[in-house]
């Protein structure tokens, strides 16, 4: 996937997510193997609520099993 498009997708509704996702993209994405890059692209498709739950180690509600 094009790097500029990924950079845009890293822009989220919260500063915390922006910083986490952008940091990975800037420091590790290009060095990652294709499988890890694909997982990152899939991660970017998740809703902000789900990403925050994942990054803060919170449980997701049963009605939102995106992971």
N, C-alpha and C. Protein backbone atom coordinates (compact mmCIF):
# COMPACT_ATOMS: atom_id res chain seq x y z
N UNK A 1 0.84 -1.18 0.00
CA UNK A 1 0.00 0.00 0.00
C UNK A 1 0.89 1.24 0.00
N UNK A 2 0.43 2.27 -0.65
CA UNK A 2 1.18 3.52 -0.76
C UNK A 2 1.38 4.16 0.61
N UNK A 3 2.61 4.59 0.87
CA UNK A 3 2.97 5.15 2.18
C UNK A 3 2.15 6.40 2.52
N UNK A 4 1.91 7.26 1.55
CA UNK A 4 1.12 8.48 1.81
C UNK A 4 -0.30 8.13 2.24
N UNK A 5 -0.87 7.10 1.64
CA UNK A 5 -2.22 6.67 2.02
C UNK A 5 -2.22 6.11 3.44
N UNK A 6 -1.20 5.34 3.78
CA UNK A 6 -1.10 4.81 5.14
C UNK A 6 -0.94 5.94 6.15
N UNK A 7 -0.15 6.93 5.80
CA UNK A 7 0.06 8.08 6.69
C UNK A 7 -1.28 8.77 6.97
N UNK A 8 -2.09 8.91 5.94
CA UNK A 8 -3.40 9.53 6.10
C UNK A 8 -4.29 8.66 6.99
N UNK A 9 -4.24 7.35 6.82
CA UNK A 9 -5.07 6.44 7.61
C UNK A 9 -4.63 6.40 9.08
N UNK A 10 -3.40 6.79 9.36
CA UNK A 10 -2.93 6.85 10.74
C UNK A 10 -3.52 8.04 11.49
N UNK A 11 -4.09 8.98 10.77
CA UNK A 11 -4.74 10.14 11.40
C UNK A 11 -6.09 9.68 11.94
N UNK A 12 -6.24 9.73 13.25
CA UNK A 12 -7.44 9.21 13.89
C UNK A 12 -8.16 10.30 14.66
N UNK A 13 -9.14 9.90 15.43
CA UNK A 13 -9.93 10.84 16.21
C UNK A 13 -9.31 11.22 17.54
N UNK A 14 -8.20 10.59 17.89
CA UNK A 14 -7.56 10.92 19.17
C UNK A 14 -6.06 11.09 18.96
N UNK A 15 -5.50 12.00 19.70
CA UNK A 15 -4.06 12.26 19.59
C UNK A 15 -3.25 11.03 19.96
N UNK A 16 -3.71 10.27 20.96
CA UNK A 16 -2.98 9.08 21.39
C UNK A 16 -2.84 8.08 20.25
N UNK A 17 -3.93 7.83 19.53
CA UNK A 17 -3.86 6.90 18.40
C UNK A 17 -2.99 7.47 17.28
N UNK A 18 -3.14 8.76 17.01
CA UNK A 18 -2.30 9.39 15.98
C UNK A 18 -0.82 9.14 16.27
N UNK A 19 -0.43 9.38 17.51
CA UNK A 19 0.98 9.25 17.88
C UNK A 19 1.46 7.81 17.80
N UNK A 20 0.68 6.88 18.31
CA UNK A 20 1.08 5.47 18.28
C UNK A 20 1.22 4.94 16.86
N UNK A 21 0.20 5.17 16.06
CA UNK A 21 0.20 4.63 14.70
C UNK A 21 1.25 5.30 13.83
N UNK A 22 1.37 6.61 13.94
CA UNK A 22 2.36 7.34 13.14
C UNK A 22 3.78 6.94 13.52
N UNK A 23 4.01 6.73 14.81
CA UNK A 23 5.35 6.31 15.26
C UNK A 23 5.74 4.97 14.63
N UNK A 24 4.82 4.01 14.64
CA UNK A 24 5.12 2.72 14.02
C UNK A 24 5.39 2.90 12.52
N UNK A 25 4.55 3.66 11.87
CA UNK A 25 4.73 3.87 10.43
C UNK A 25 6.08 4.50 10.13
N UNK A 26 6.47 5.48 10.92
CA UNK A 26 7.73 6.19 10.68
C UNK A 26 8.97 5.38 11.04
N UNK A 27 8.86 4.51 12.04
CA UNK A 27 10.07 3.85 12.54
C UNK A 27 10.20 2.38 12.20
N UNK A 28 9.11 1.69 11.90
CA UNK A 28 9.21 0.24 11.75
C UNK A 28 8.52 -0.34 10.53
N UNK A 29 7.57 0.35 9.96
CA UNK A 29 6.77 -0.24 8.89
C UNK A 29 7.61 -0.69 7.70
N UNK A 30 8.48 0.16 7.22
CA UNK A 30 9.27 -0.18 6.02
C UNK A 30 10.23 -1.33 6.26
N UNK A 31 10.65 -1.55 7.50
CA UNK A 31 11.56 -2.65 7.82
C UNK A 31 10.81 -3.94 8.13
N UNK A 32 9.51 -3.84 8.33
CA UNK A 32 8.71 -5.02 8.69
C UNK A 32 8.57 -5.95 7.48
N UNK A 33 8.37 -7.24 7.78
CA UNK A 33 8.15 -8.19 6.69
C UNK A 33 6.74 -7.99 6.14
N UNK A 34 6.46 -8.52 4.95
CA UNK A 34 5.15 -8.30 4.32
C UNK A 34 3.96 -8.74 5.18
N UNK A 35 4.12 -9.81 5.95
CA UNK A 35 3.02 -10.27 6.80
C UNK A 35 2.70 -9.24 7.89
N UNK A 36 3.73 -8.69 8.51
CA UNK A 36 3.51 -7.68 9.54
C UNK A 36 2.93 -6.40 8.94
N UNK A 37 3.39 -6.04 7.76
CA UNK A 37 2.83 -4.87 7.09
C UNK A 37 1.34 -5.07 6.80
N UNK A 38 0.98 -6.27 6.38
CA UNK A 38 -0.43 -6.57 6.11
C UNK A 38 -1.26 -6.49 7.39
N UNK A 39 -0.70 -6.95 8.51
CA UNK A 39 -1.42 -6.86 9.79
C UNK A 39 -1.62 -5.40 10.19
N UNK A 40 -0.62 -4.57 9.94
CA UNK A 40 -0.76 -3.15 10.27
C UNK A 40 -1.85 -2.51 9.41
N UNK A 41 -1.87 -2.83 8.14
CA UNK A 41 -2.91 -2.30 7.25
C UNK A 41 -4.29 -2.74 7.74
N UNK A 42 -4.42 -3.99 8.16
CA UNK A 42 -5.70 -4.49 8.70
C UNK A 42 -6.06 -3.76 9.99
N UNK A 43 -5.07 -3.50 10.83
CA UNK A 43 -5.29 -2.78 12.08
C UNK A 43 -5.87 -1.39 11.80
N UNK A 44 -5.41 -0.76 10.75
CA UNK A 44 -5.89 0.58 10.42
C UNK A 44 -7.36 0.59 10.01
N UNK A 45 -7.91 -0.57 9.69
CA UNK A 45 -9.31 -0.65 9.30
C UNK A 45 -10.25 -0.69 10.51
N UNK A 46 -9.69 -0.92 11.69
CA UNK A 46 -10.51 -1.01 12.90
C UNK A 46 -10.97 0.38 13.34
N UNK A 47 -12.09 0.39 14.05
CA UNK A 47 -12.61 1.65 14.59
C UNK A 47 -11.73 2.13 15.73
N UNK A 48 -11.75 3.43 15.96
CA UNK A 48 -10.92 4.02 17.01
C UNK A 48 -11.21 3.41 18.37
N UNK A 49 -12.48 3.16 18.67
CA UNK A 49 -12.86 2.56 19.96
C UNK A 49 -12.16 1.22 20.17
N UNK A 50 -12.09 0.43 19.14
CA UNK A 50 -11.46 -0.88 19.22
C UNK A 50 -9.95 -0.73 19.38
N UNK A 51 -9.35 0.16 18.62
CA UNK A 51 -7.91 0.38 18.73
C UNK A 51 -7.52 0.85 20.13
N UNK A 52 -8.29 1.77 20.68
CA UNK A 52 -8.00 2.25 22.03
C UNK A 52 -8.09 1.11 23.04
N UNK A 53 -9.09 0.25 22.88
CA UNK A 53 -9.24 -0.89 23.78
C UNK A 53 -8.05 -1.83 23.67
N UNK A 54 -7.59 -2.06 22.47
CA UNK A 54 -6.44 -2.94 22.26
C UNK A 54 -5.18 -2.33 22.89
N UNK A 55 -4.92 -1.07 22.61
CA UNK A 55 -3.70 -0.43 23.10
C UNK A 55 -3.70 -0.19 24.60
N UNK A 56 -4.87 -0.13 25.21
CA UNK A 56 -4.95 0.08 26.66
C UNK A 56 -5.27 -1.21 27.40
N UNK A 57 -5.30 -2.33 26.67
CA UNK A 57 -5.51 -3.65 27.25
C UNK A 57 -6.86 -3.77 27.96
N UNK A 58 -7.88 -3.14 27.38
CA UNK A 58 -9.23 -3.23 27.92
C UNK A 58 -9.99 -4.31 27.18
N UNK A 59 -10.98 -4.84 27.84
CA UNK A 59 -11.83 -5.85 27.20
C UNK A 59 -12.82 -5.17 26.26
N UNK A 60 -13.10 -5.84 25.16
CA UNK A 60 -14.12 -5.36 24.25
C UNK A 60 -15.46 -5.93 24.67
N UNK A 61 -16.51 -5.19 24.41
CA UNK A 61 -17.83 -5.71 24.74
C UNK A 61 -18.18 -6.84 23.78
N UNK A 62 -19.07 -7.71 24.21
CA UNK A 62 -19.44 -8.87 23.41
C UNK A 62 -20.09 -8.46 22.09
N UNK A 63 -20.70 -7.29 22.03
CA UNK A 63 -21.35 -6.86 20.80
C UNK A 63 -20.39 -6.15 19.83
N UNK A 64 -19.11 -6.12 20.17
CA UNK A 64 -18.12 -5.49 19.30
C UNK A 64 -16.87 -6.37 19.20
N UNK A 65 -17.01 -7.58 18.70
CA UNK A 65 -15.87 -8.52 18.65
C UNK A 65 -15.02 -8.38 17.39
N UNK A 66 -14.49 -7.20 17.12
CA UNK A 66 -13.73 -6.98 15.90
C UNK A 66 -12.35 -7.62 15.93
N UNK A 67 -11.88 -8.00 17.11
CA UNK A 67 -10.56 -8.64 17.18
C UNK A 67 -10.68 -10.06 17.63
